[in-house]
Every structure is written in C-alpha cells, then in structure tokens.
C-alpha cells in the first residue's frame, strides 16, 4: 500500500455567536503543538490552520482535475 505523502494535522474548533456580532468567536487549537487562539470569524481560523497545513503549490496538487 502506498503511503500518502501529504502531512495531516488535527485541530479542535469551537465556535459561538455573541448577540449583535456579524461573525462568530472561534477557539481553535492545533493538537500536536497545543497552541491555541481565539479569533473573530472563520477566515481567521483558516489563517491559523495554514501555519501547520499550508496549501500546496498548484503543481504539487494531486487528484481529480
């Protein structure tokens, strides 16, 4: 069986809305390092996640096209 060369990372994400907010508050934790942050909005969660799981360059992507 071939090993998948893609490194996988795990995160815990908890989100909640406060009255009057336009975006949720989100607590996110990287499991392996234990680092966590509270951010405002899911776009900030993506920035946090990409520190450990960066998007591959277009030429490195595999799968259906």
Protein backbone atom coordinates (compact mmCIF):
# COMPACT_ATOMS: atom_id res chain seq x y z
CA UNK A 1 0.00 0.00 0.00
CA UNK A 2 1.35 3.45 -0.95
CA UNK A 3 1.77 5.98 1.79
CA UNK A 4 0.09 9.31 1.22
CA UNK A 5 2.90 11.94 1.14
CA UNK A 6 0.56 14.65 2.45
CA UNK A 7 1.16 15.58 6.08
CA UNK A 8 -2.08 15.71 8.01
CA UNK A 9 -2.73 17.90 11.03
CA UNK A 10 -5.54 17.83 13.60
CA UNK A 11 -7.36 20.75 15.18
CA UNK A 12 -10.17 21.33 17.65
CA UNK A 13 -12.52 24.15 16.71
CA UNK A 14 -15.26 25.63 18.89
CA UNK A 15 -17.42 28.48 17.63
CA UNK A 16 -20.10 30.62 19.26
CA UNK A 17 -22.05 33.71 18.36
CA UNK A 18 -22.41 36.64 20.74
CA UNK A 19 -25.52 38.83 20.40
CA UNK A 20 -25.06 41.54 17.79
CA UNK A 21 -21.90 40.07 16.24
CA UNK A 22 -21.59 39.71 12.48
CA UNK A 23 -19.07 36.85 12.76
CA UNK A 24 -18.58 34.14 15.37
CA UNK A 25 -15.89 33.99 18.01
CA UNK A 26 -13.84 30.86 17.35
CA UNK A 27 -11.42 28.99 19.61
CA UNK A 28 -9.03 26.81 17.62
CA UNK A 29 -6.26 24.53 18.88
CA UNK A 30 -3.53 22.70 16.98
CA UNK A 31 -3.43 19.26 18.60
CA UNK A 32 0.24 18.36 18.14
CA UNK A 33 1.68 21.66 19.42
CA UNK A 34 -1.10 22.56 21.84
CA UNK A 35 -1.08 26.14 20.56
CA UNK A 36 -4.50 27.77 20.60
CA UNK A 37 -6.11 31.10 19.79
CA UNK A 38 -9.46 32.82 19.95
CA UNK A 39 -10.22 34.58 16.68
CA UNK A 40 -13.12 36.53 15.23
CA UNK A 41 -14.52 34.83 12.13
CA UNK A 42 -13.81 31.67 10.19
CA UNK A 43 -11.41 33.40 7.80
CA UNK A 44 -9.06 33.87 10.76
CA UNK A 45 -9.36 30.15 11.55
CA UNK A 46 -8.09 29.40 8.05
CA UNK A 47 -5.05 31.63 8.64
CA UNK A 48 -4.32 29.82 11.92
CA UNK A 49 -4.65 26.37 10.29
CA UNK A 50 -2.44 27.27 7.33
CA UNK A 51 0.51 27.77 9.69
CA UNK A 52 0.70 23.97 10.05
CA UNK A 53 -1.11 22.81 6.93
CA UNK A 54 -0.14 25.20 4.14
CA UNK A 55 -1.88 24.96 0.80
CA UNK A 56 0.19 23.05 -1.76
CA UNK A 57 1.51 24.83 -4.81
CA UNK A 58 -0.62 24.28 -7.90
CA UNK A 59 1.97 21.94 -9.44
CA UNK A 60 2.07 19.84 -6.24
CA UNK A 61 -1.67 19.18 -6.09
CA UNK A 62 -2.86 15.67 -6.83
CA UNK A 63 -6.22 14.15 -7.50
CA UNK A 64 -9.00 14.73 -9.97
CA UNK A 65 -8.65 17.56 -12.43
